[in-house]
Protein backbone atom coordinates (compact mmCIF):
# COMPACT_ATOMS: atom_id res chain seq x y z
CA MET A 1 87.28 102.35 92.30
CA ASN A 2 88.61 98.85 92.49
CA PHE A 3 91.38 100.73 89.85
CA VAL A 4 94.40 102.12 91.53
CA ASP A 5 97.50 103.08 89.01
CA LYS A 6 99.91 105.01 90.98
CA ILE A 7 100.69 104.44 94.79
CA HIS A 8 103.88 104.77 96.76
CA ILE A 9 105.12 102.22 99.27
CA PHE A 10 108.08 101.19 101.70
CA ILE A 11 110.56 98.81 101.18
CA LYS A 12 113.55 97.97 103.43
CA ALA A 13 116.15 94.82 103.13
CA GLY A 14 116.81 93.05 106.17
CA ASP A 15 119.93 93.69 108.76
CA GLY A 16 122.75 91.65 109.33
CA GLY A 17 122.36 89.36 112.30
CA ASP A 18 125.30 90.74 115.28
CA GLY A 19 128.26 88.94 115.90
CA CYS A 20 128.61 86.90 118.79
CA SER A 21 131.28 87.61 121.66
CA SER A 22 131.72 84.05 123.69
CA PHE A 23 133.83 82.12 125.68
CA HIS A 24 134.77 78.35 124.94
CA ARG A 25 133.03 76.88 128.29
CA GLU A 26 133.47 72.87 129.19
CA LYS A 27 134.63 70.87 132.13
CA TYR A 28 138.59 70.60 132.81
CA VAL A 29 139.23 73.39 129.68
CA ASN A 30 140.81 75.96 131.53
CA ARG A 31 140.97 79.55 129.63
CA GLY A 32 138.97 78.22 126.46
CA GLY A 33 139.27 80.84 123.37
CA PRO A 34 136.51 82.75 121.76
CA ASP A 35 134.48 81.10 120.01
CA GLY A 36 131.55 83.45 119.17
CA GLY A 37 129.80 82.70 115.29
CA ASP A 38 128.94 85.39 112.89
CA GLY A 39 125.71 87.25 111.97
CA GLY A 40 123.28 85.57 109.15
CA MET A 41 122.63 87.96 106.36
CA GLY A 42 119.65 89.78 106.42
CA GLY A 43 117.07 89.41 103.43
CA SER A 44 116.38 90.42 99.88
CA VAL A 45 113.68 92.34 98.55
CA TRP A 46 113.08 91.12 95.07
CA PHE A 47 109.93 92.53 92.95
CA VAL A 48 108.37 90.03 90.73
CA ALA A 49 105.85 90.12 88.22
CA GLY A 50 102.29 88.71 89.47
CA ASP A 51 100.68 87.47 86.45
CA ASN A 52 97.30 87.57 88.38
CA LYS A 53 97.41 91.17 89.06
CA ASP A 54 95.65 93.77 87.04
CA THR A 55 95.46 96.79 89.67
CA LEU A 56 97.89 98.08 92.86
CA LEU A 57 94.91 98.28 94.72
CA ASP A 58 96.71 95.99 97.60
CA PHE A 59 98.98 98.08 98.34
CA ARG A 60 96.49 100.86 99.66
CA PHE A 61 96.25 98.49 102.54
CA THR A 62 100.14 97.08 103.27
CA LYS A 63 102.76 100.23 102.59
CA HIS A 64 105.74 98.53 104.32
CA PHE A 65 107.78 95.33 103.21
CA ARG A 66 110.80 94.61 105.44
CA ALA A 67 112.81 91.59 104.44
CA GLU A 68 113.57 89.33 107.53
CA ARG A 69 116.66 90.67 109.77
CA GLY A 70 119.67 87.95 110.02
CA GLU A 71 119.78 85.46 112.92
CA ASN A 72 122.93 87.31 115.71
CA GLY A 73 125.88 84.61 115.69
CA ARG A 74 125.82 81.87 118.59
CA PRO A 75 128.51 80.18 121.06
CA ARG A 76 130.36 77.43 119.60
CA MET A 77 131.24 79.14 116.13
CA GLN A 78 127.55 78.81 115.24
CA THR A 79 126.60 81.44 112.20
CA GLY A 80 123.02 82.79 112.27
CA LYS A 81 120.57 81.99 109.79
CA ASN A 82 120.04 84.01 107.35
CA GLY A 83 117.05 86.07 107.05
CA ALA A 84 114.12 85.09 104.58
CA ASP A 85 113.66 87.48 101.28
CA ILE A 86 110.56 89.29 100.94
CA ARG A 87 109.14 89.17 97.31
CA VAL A 88 106.87 91.81 96.60
CA GLU A 89 104.35 91.11 93.88
CA VAL A 90 103.42 93.77 90.88
CA PRO A 91 101.38 93.67 87.91
CA VAL A 92 102.98 93.18 84.54
CA GLY A 93 104.09 96.83 83.54
CA THR A 94 104.19 98.51 86.75
CA ARG A 95 107.19 100.89 87.00
CA VAL A 96 108.97 101.12 90.26
CA ARG A 97 110.33 104.24 91.03
CA ASP A 98 113.34 105.57 93.95
CA VAL A 99 111.15 109.00 95.19
CA ALA A 100 114.74 110.13 96.97
CA SER A 101 116.72 109.88 93.80
CA GLY A 102 113.71 109.84 90.79
CA LYS A 103 115.45 106.69 89.61
CA ILE A 104 113.35 103.54 87.56
CA ILE A 105 114.97 100.43 90.05
CA ALA A 106 112.55 98.08 88.19
CA ASP A 107 110.33 98.06 85.25
CA VAL A 108 108.20 94.71 85.29
CA SER A 109 107.46 94.56 81.32
CA CYS A 110 107.09 91.26 81.28
CA SER A 111 105.87 87.68 82.61
CA GLY A 112 107.81 85.82 84.78
CA TYR A 113 110.23 88.65 85.76
CA GLU A 114 112.20 89.46 88.86
CA LYS A 115 114.68 91.95 90.05
CA CYS A 116 116.34 91.89 93.67
CA VAL A 117 116.63 95.68 94.41
CA LEU A 118 117.94 95.94 97.66
CA LYS A 119 120.58 93.13 99.22
CA GLY A 120 120.39 91.97 102.76
CA GLY A 121 122.75 93.52 105.11
CA ARG A 122 126.04 91.71 106.29
CA GLY A 123 126.10 89.94 108.84
CA GLY A 124 128.79 91.02 111.72
CA LYS A 125 132.00 89.27 112.66
CA GLY A 126 131.71 86.93 115.97
CA ASN A 127 134.87 87.45 118.18
CA ALA A 128 136.78 84.17 117.15
CA ARG A 129 137.58 86.53 113.74
CA PHE A 130 139.49 88.78 115.91
CA ALA A 131 141.98 86.69 117.84
CA THR A 132 145.34 87.13 117.14
CA PRO A 133 148.82 85.62 118.30
CA THR A 134 148.82 88.70 120.62
CA LYS A 135 145.47 89.42 121.01
CA GLN A 136 143.91 85.85 122.26
CA ALA A 137 140.90 86.62 123.96
CA PRO A 138 139.19 89.80 121.88
CA LYS A 139 135.84 90.56 123.40
CA TYR A 140 134.65 92.70 120.55
CA ALA A 141 132.09 91.16 118.29
CA GLN A 142 131.07 93.15 115.22
CA PRO A 143 127.49 94.18 115.01
CA GLY A 144 125.56 93.73 112.03
CA GLN A 145 124.73 95.99 108.63
CA LYS A 146 121.81 98.03 109.72
CA LEU A 147 120.30 99.37 106.41
CA LYS A 148 118.16 101.89 105.32
CA GLU A 149 114.36 102.43 104.54
CA TYR A 150 113.35 103.75 100.91
CA GLU A 151 109.92 104.60 99.78
CA VAL A 152 109.35 103.92 96.25
CA GLU A 153 106.86 104.56 93.72
CA LEU A 154 104.99 101.98 91.68
CA GLU A 155 103.00 102.89 88.30
CA LEU A 156 101.23 100.76 86.84
CA LEU A 157 101.45 101.42 82.76
CA THR A 158 99.17 99.48 81.05
CA VAL A 159 100.85 97.00 78.77
CA ALA A 160 99.37 96.70 75.09
CA ASP A 161 100.21 96.52 71.88
CA VAL A 162 98.02 99.76 70.41
CA GLY A 163 96.70 102.51 71.96
CA LEU A 164 93.23 104.11 71.21
CA VAL A 165 93.94 107.97 71.99
CA GLY A 166 91.34 110.93 71.12
CA LEU A 167 89.09 112.89 72.79
CA PRO A 168 86.24 112.31 74.94
CA ASN A 169 83.07 111.00 73.77
CA VAL A 170 84.21 110.14 69.73
CA GLY A 171 83.45 106.64 70.46
CA LYS A 172 86.90 104.89 71.67
CA SER A 173 85.09 102.41 73.65
CA THR A 174 82.69 101.13 71.18
CA ILE A 175 85.32 100.64 68.46
CA LEU A 176 86.88 98.62 71.38
CA SER A 177 83.63 96.49 71.99
CA VAL A 178 83.52 96.22 67.93
CA VAL A 179 86.89 94.76 67.37
CA THR A 180 87.80 93.15 70.65
CA SER A 181 85.14 90.69 73.03
CA ALA A 182 85.89 93.74 75.50
CA ARG A 183 82.53 94.94 77.16
CA PRO A 184 83.70 98.35 78.48
CA LYS A 185 81.04 101.13 80.03
CA ILE A 186 79.59 103.07 76.81
CA ALA A 187 77.54 106.16 77.13
CA ASN A 188 76.64 109.25 75.64
CA TYR A 189 78.66 111.74 78.23
CA HIS A 190 82.36 112.32 78.62
CA PHE A 191 84.47 110.60 80.58
CA THR A 192 82.14 107.57 80.70
CA THR A 193 85.53 105.72 80.71
CA LEU A 194 87.93 106.26 83.84
CA THR A 195 90.33 103.72 83.37
CA PRO A 196 91.70 101.99 80.65
CA ASN A 197 90.19 98.62 79.01
CA LEU A 198 91.90 95.93 77.08
CA GLY A 199 90.82 93.74 74.77
CA VAL A 200 92.52 91.43 72.52
CA VAL A 201 92.03 92.09 68.62
CA LYS A 202 92.16 88.55 66.62
CA ARG A 203 92.79 88.70 63.16
CA TYR A 204 93.49 85.62 61.08
CA ASP A 205 96.65 84.05 62.59
CA SER A 206 97.38 86.91 64.73
CA THR A 207 96.45 88.87 67.76
CA PHE A 208 97.26 92.38 69.37
CA VAL A 209 96.04 93.84 72.67
CA LEU A 210 94.24 96.76 72.09
CA ALA A 211 93.78 99.55 74.81
CA ASP A 212 90.97 101.96 75.16
CA ILE A 213 92.55 105.03 77.02
CA PRO A 214 90.23 107.71 78.92
CA GLY A 215 89.45 110.75 76.89
CA LEU A 216 92.02 113.45 76.72
CA ILE A 217 91.37 117.19 77.17
CA GLU A 218 93.52 120.07 76.33
CA GLY A 219 95.91 120.69 78.87
CA ALA A 220 95.83 116.73 79.56
CA ALA A 221 99.86 117.01 79.61
CA GLU A 222 100.07 119.35 82.66
CA GLY A 223 97.08 117.48 84.54
CA ALA A 224 93.76 118.91 83.54
CA GLY A 225 90.79 116.26 83.36
CA LEU A 226 93.47 113.80 85.04
CA GLY A 227 95.44 113.88 81.75
CA ARG A 228 98.72 112.82 82.94
CA ALA A 229 97.44 109.69 84.48
CA PHE A 230 95.52 108.74 81.35
CA LEU A 231 98.89 109.29 79.25
CA ARG A 232 100.68 107.17 81.06
CA HIS A 233 99.32 104.33 80.40
CA ILE A 234 100.00 104.72 76.75
CA GLU A 235 103.86 105.32 77.46
CA ARG A 236 104.41 101.07 76.60
CA THR A 237 102.42 100.79 73.63
CA ARG A 238 103.88 99.90 70.11
CA MET A 239 101.94 102.66 68.20
CA LEU A 240 98.52 104.54 67.99
CA VAL A 241 95.15 104.94 66.91
CA HIS A 242 93.85 108.22 66.71
CA VAL A 243 90.40 108.36 67.20
CA ILE A 244 88.28 111.45 65.97
CA ASP A 245 84.74 112.42 65.69
CA ILE A 246 84.84 112.81 61.62
CA SER A 247 80.92 114.06 62.07
CA GLY A 248 81.55 117.19 64.57
CA SER A 249 78.43 116.48 66.09
CA GLU A 250 79.41 118.07 69.43
CA ASP A 251 80.06 121.34 67.72
CA ARG A 252 83.94 120.97 67.03
CA ASP A 253 86.27 121.00 64.16
CA PRO A 254 87.85 117.33 63.36
CA VAL A 255 90.92 118.87 62.33
CA GLU A 256 91.25 121.41 65.52
CA ASP A 257 90.79 118.45 67.68
CA TYR A 258 93.30 116.03 65.58
CA TYR A 259 96.55 118.74 66.51
CA THR A 260 94.91 119.25 69.88
CA ILE A 261 95.43 115.58 70.85
CA ARG A 262 99.43 115.87 68.93
CA SER A 263 100.27 118.70 70.46
CA GLU A 264 98.72 116.85 74.21
CA LEU A 265 101.01 113.75 73.37
CA TYR A 266 104.16 115.95 72.77
CA ASP A 267 104.21 117.95 75.57
CA TYR A 268 103.78 114.84 77.94
CA SER A 269 106.67 112.90 75.91
CA PRO A 270 108.51 113.68 72.72
CA ALA A 271 108.79 109.61 72.77
CA LEU A 272 104.99 109.21 72.52
CA HIS A 273 104.52 112.58 69.95
CA SER A 274 106.64 109.99 67.49
CA LEU A 275 105.10 106.87 67.70
CA PRO A 276 103.40 105.37 64.85
CA GLN A 277 100.11 106.80 64.19
CA PHE A 278 96.57 106.08 62.21
CA ILE A 279 93.45 108.31 62.18
CA ALA A 280 90.40 106.40 62.96
CA ALA A 281 87.82 108.91 61.53
CA ASN A 282 84.85 107.87 63.65
CA LYS A 283 81.11 108.29 62.97
CA MET A 284 81.18 108.26 58.95
CA ASP A 285 77.29 107.32 59.26
CA ILE A 286 76.62 110.70 60.47
CA PRO A 287 75.47 113.83 58.16
CA GLY A 288 78.10 115.87 57.14
CA ALA A 289 80.94 113.56 58.24
CA GLU A 290 82.48 113.20 54.02
CA GLU A 291 83.01 116.87 53.91
CA ASN A 292 84.97 116.72 56.95
CA LEU A 293 86.99 113.58 56.26
CA GLU A 294 87.88 115.48 52.97
CA ARG A 295 89.22 118.51 55.07
CA LEU A 296 90.98 116.23 57.14
CA ARG A 297 92.79 114.53 53.92
CA GLU A 298 93.68 117.88 52.44
CA GLU A 299 95.40 119.44 55.59
CA LEU A 300 97.34 115.85 56.50
CA ALA A 301 98.31 115.73 52.99
CA GLU A 302 101.48 116.11 53.35
CA GLU A 303 102.43 113.80 56.90
CA ASP A 304 102.26 110.39 56.27
CA ILE A 305 99.36 109.49 58.62
CA PRO A 306 96.98 106.92 57.30
CA ILE A 307 93.24 107.76 58.01
CA PHE A 308 91.06 105.58 57.86
CA PRO A 309 87.29 105.88 57.49
CA VAL A 310 85.01 103.72 60.04
CA SER A 311 81.75 103.60 62.12
CA ALA A 312 81.75 102.07 65.09
CA ALA A 313 77.80 102.18 65.49
CA ALA A 314 76.95 100.07 61.99
CA ALA A 315 80.74 98.75 62.93
CA GLN A 316 81.77 99.25 59.23
CA GLY A 317 85.24 100.17 57.55
CA PHE A 318 87.54 98.02 60.53
CA GLU A 319 89.14 95.52 57.94
CA PRO A 320 90.96 97.66 56.42
CA LEU A 321 91.88 99.56 59.64
CA LEU A 322 93.18 96.14 61.38
CA ASP A 323 94.84 94.94 58.57
CA ALA A 324 97.13 98.18 58.24
CA VAL A 325 97.57 98.17 62.11
CA LEU A 326 99.01 94.09 61.83
CA ALA A 327 101.13 94.97 58.94
CA LYS A 328 102.56 97.48 60.86
CA LEU A 329 103.53 96.38 64.43
CA LYS A 330 105.01 93.25 62.30
CA THR A 331 107.94 96.26 61.51
CA LEU A 332 107.89 97.52 65.28
CA PRO A 333 109.84 96.31 68.17
CA LYS A 334 108.28 94.47 71.12
CA THR A 335 106.83 96.33 73.78
CA ARG A 336 108.53 98.91 75.07
CA ALA A 337 111.04 98.65 78.40
CA PHE A 338 112.73 101.12 80.73
CA GLU A 339 116.05 101.45 81.52
CA GLU A 340 116.82 100.45 84.79
CA GLU A 341 119.48 101.47 87.37
CA ASP A 342 120.88 100.14 90.27
CA LEU A 343 119.80 102.03 93.93
CA ILE A 344 123.02 102.64 96.01
CA GLN A 345 122.37 100.88 99.30
CA GLU A 346 123.35 102.87 102.66
CA ASN A 347 123.30 102.08 105.57
CA GLU A 348 120.28 103.21 108.36
CA TYR A 349 122.94 105.80 109.95
CA GLU A 350 122.46 109.43 107.96
CA LYS A 351 126.43 110.43 107.13
CA GLY A 352 127.45 113.41 109.51
CA PHE A 353 127.78 115.05 111.99
CA GLU A 354 127.53 118.23 114.41
CA ILE A 355 129.29 119.59 117.18
CA THR A 356 128.03 122.54 119.93
CA ALA A 357 130.06 124.03 122.12
CA GLU A 358 128.46 125.27 125.03
CA ASN A 359 130.21 126.19 128.98
CA GLY A 360 133.31 124.66 127.07
CA VAL A 361 131.63 120.95 126.67
CA PHE A 362 132.00 120.07 123.27
CA THR A 363 128.76 117.90 122.12
CA VAL A 364 129.11 116.00 118.78
CA THR A 365 125.84 114.61 117.14
CA GLY A 366 124.35 113.39 113.81
CA GLY A 367 124.85 109.51 112.13
CA THR A 368 127.73 109.43 111.94
CA VAL A 369 128.61 109.32 116.01
CA GLU A 370 125.62 106.82 116.33
CA TYR A 371 127.06 104.23 114.34
CA ILE A 372 130.73 104.87 116.32
CA LEU A 373 128.97 104.66 119.34
CA ASP A 374 126.33 101.57 118.48
CA THR A 375 129.82 99.52 116.94
CA THR A 376 132.15 100.38 119.83
CA ASN A 377 132.35 97.91 122.80
CA ALA A 378 133.84 100.19 125.44
CA ASP A 379 135.27 96.85 127.16
CA ASP A 380 137.46 95.45 124.35
CA GLU A 381 140.95 97.46 124.03
CA ILE A 382 140.29 96.34 119.52
CA SER A 383 137.08 98.41 119.81
CA MET A 384 138.18 101.21 121.40
CA ARG A 385 141.35 101.40 119.28
CA ARG A 386 139.02 101.10 116.20
CA PHE A 387 136.58 104.13 117.88
CA GLN A 388 139.75 106.53 118.38
CA GLN A 389 141.12 105.84 114.34
CA LEU A 390 137.24 106.28 113.60
CA LEU A 391 136.62 109.06 115.18
CA VAL A 392 140.37 110.61 113.42
CA LYS A 393 138.92 109.09 110.21
CA GLU A 394 135.82 110.48 110.19
CA GLY A 395 137.40 113.96 110.70
CA ILE A 396 135.71 114.62 113.80
CA VAL A 397 138.99 115.48 116.07
CA ASP A 398 139.92 118.04 113.32
CA ALA A 399 136.71 119.52 113.55
CA LEU A 400 136.61 119.78 117.41
CA ARG A 401 140.34 121.61 117.16
CA GLU A 402 138.88 123.84 114.76
CA LYS A 403 136.03 124.10 117.24
CA GLY A 404 138.37 125.08 119.98
CA ALA A 405 138.90 122.32 121.71
CA VAL A 406 141.52 121.38 123.43
CA GLU A 407 143.93 119.57 125.74
CA GLY A 408 141.37 118.42 128.68
CA SER A 409 138.24 119.83 127.12
CA THR A 410 135.35 117.65 127.51
CA ILE A 411 134.07 115.98 124.68
CA ARG A 412 130.42 114.30 124.87
CA LEU A 413 129.30 111.88 122.53
CA GLY A 414 125.99 110.53 123.24
CA GLU A 415 126.04 108.87 127.01
CA TRP A 416 129.81 108.85 126.47
CA GLU A 417 131.83 111.19 127.91
CA PHE A 418 135.72 112.24 128.25
CA ASP A 419 138.43 114.48 127.66
CA PHE A 420 140.26 115.70 124.56
CA VAL A 421 143.41 114.23 124.44
CA GLU A 422 145.96 115.82 122.00
């Protein structure tokens, strides 16, 4: 199948470039000062609407989207070049959700949509930035910010004004072919339609988009018959037309069919259940339809749900239905858009550390330790002072004491080894 409507990909903003540590070198200039430039900013990640796309198929073959890293700073106070942004094009209707937090970070609900979901990493400062009147030749240069990669889920939700819902083989695709120029596959067996079909209904000077949603069955909200995959595609619709085989031609009771679909809509989402709904009582050309229509009307007499008898096979009865749908749409808000949340970006290093003690040697490991080591220059006094401050600030020194470290104990961080000093 070429229609793909749900897939996972990975996105990452570009890391910041490292600051440069260098000193001015020029003939006849003795002991030139620090002149290391700053690193460039990393590129950002954007999600944008791709008007010519209608499936997520391309993402089956390309899973990782990483913005460009910022260039490192250079001597002579030259700042590194900023990394290029990456723009991920997705079909209109795509909802982007962070897998770890469940947050909707982008909802591509309309043409022209674009949003930056991950900002590029900060560039590190060059050693020239750390020069002071008392420390005129610092060797320390700040590394660029290293950022974490995120797994996100892309869900394509059909963008349509009206959704046709109902059990399999009730005539939804035939109705779509009658009232629009769409030509969906039509056959006399269940689940002929396996992907949503869209058509544009033109009525007088107005138009609206109609979606034929694959047939639902009992248990669809829990996934029976690919139910959840199908129900997803009516989440954006403004109203529903519930198609019922009023003739009972498949030995089903039309009244029970109505309650089955209503129950599945509610179980999937109360918001779907509360959408305005009309009933298209289809197959009125088949004997027995009139009696069932009267039963349905009596059953729903106290509910404010208009019922329109139609025959898709004979292309009859659709004018009143279409007029009523147009009139209702004029009173409804535009296509539903979901509330977005910002993704809280994290550094590549996972915060935290662990301490193990063996034969008097205390080994500290974890993301916090990796960050401290990667951002420390052992040959620079300022950097080593910062190293000591971070050990205290991150609670590593107190944790070592609790584990039993005393004056002179051996402490190991990565490849570094030193004595514990109180």
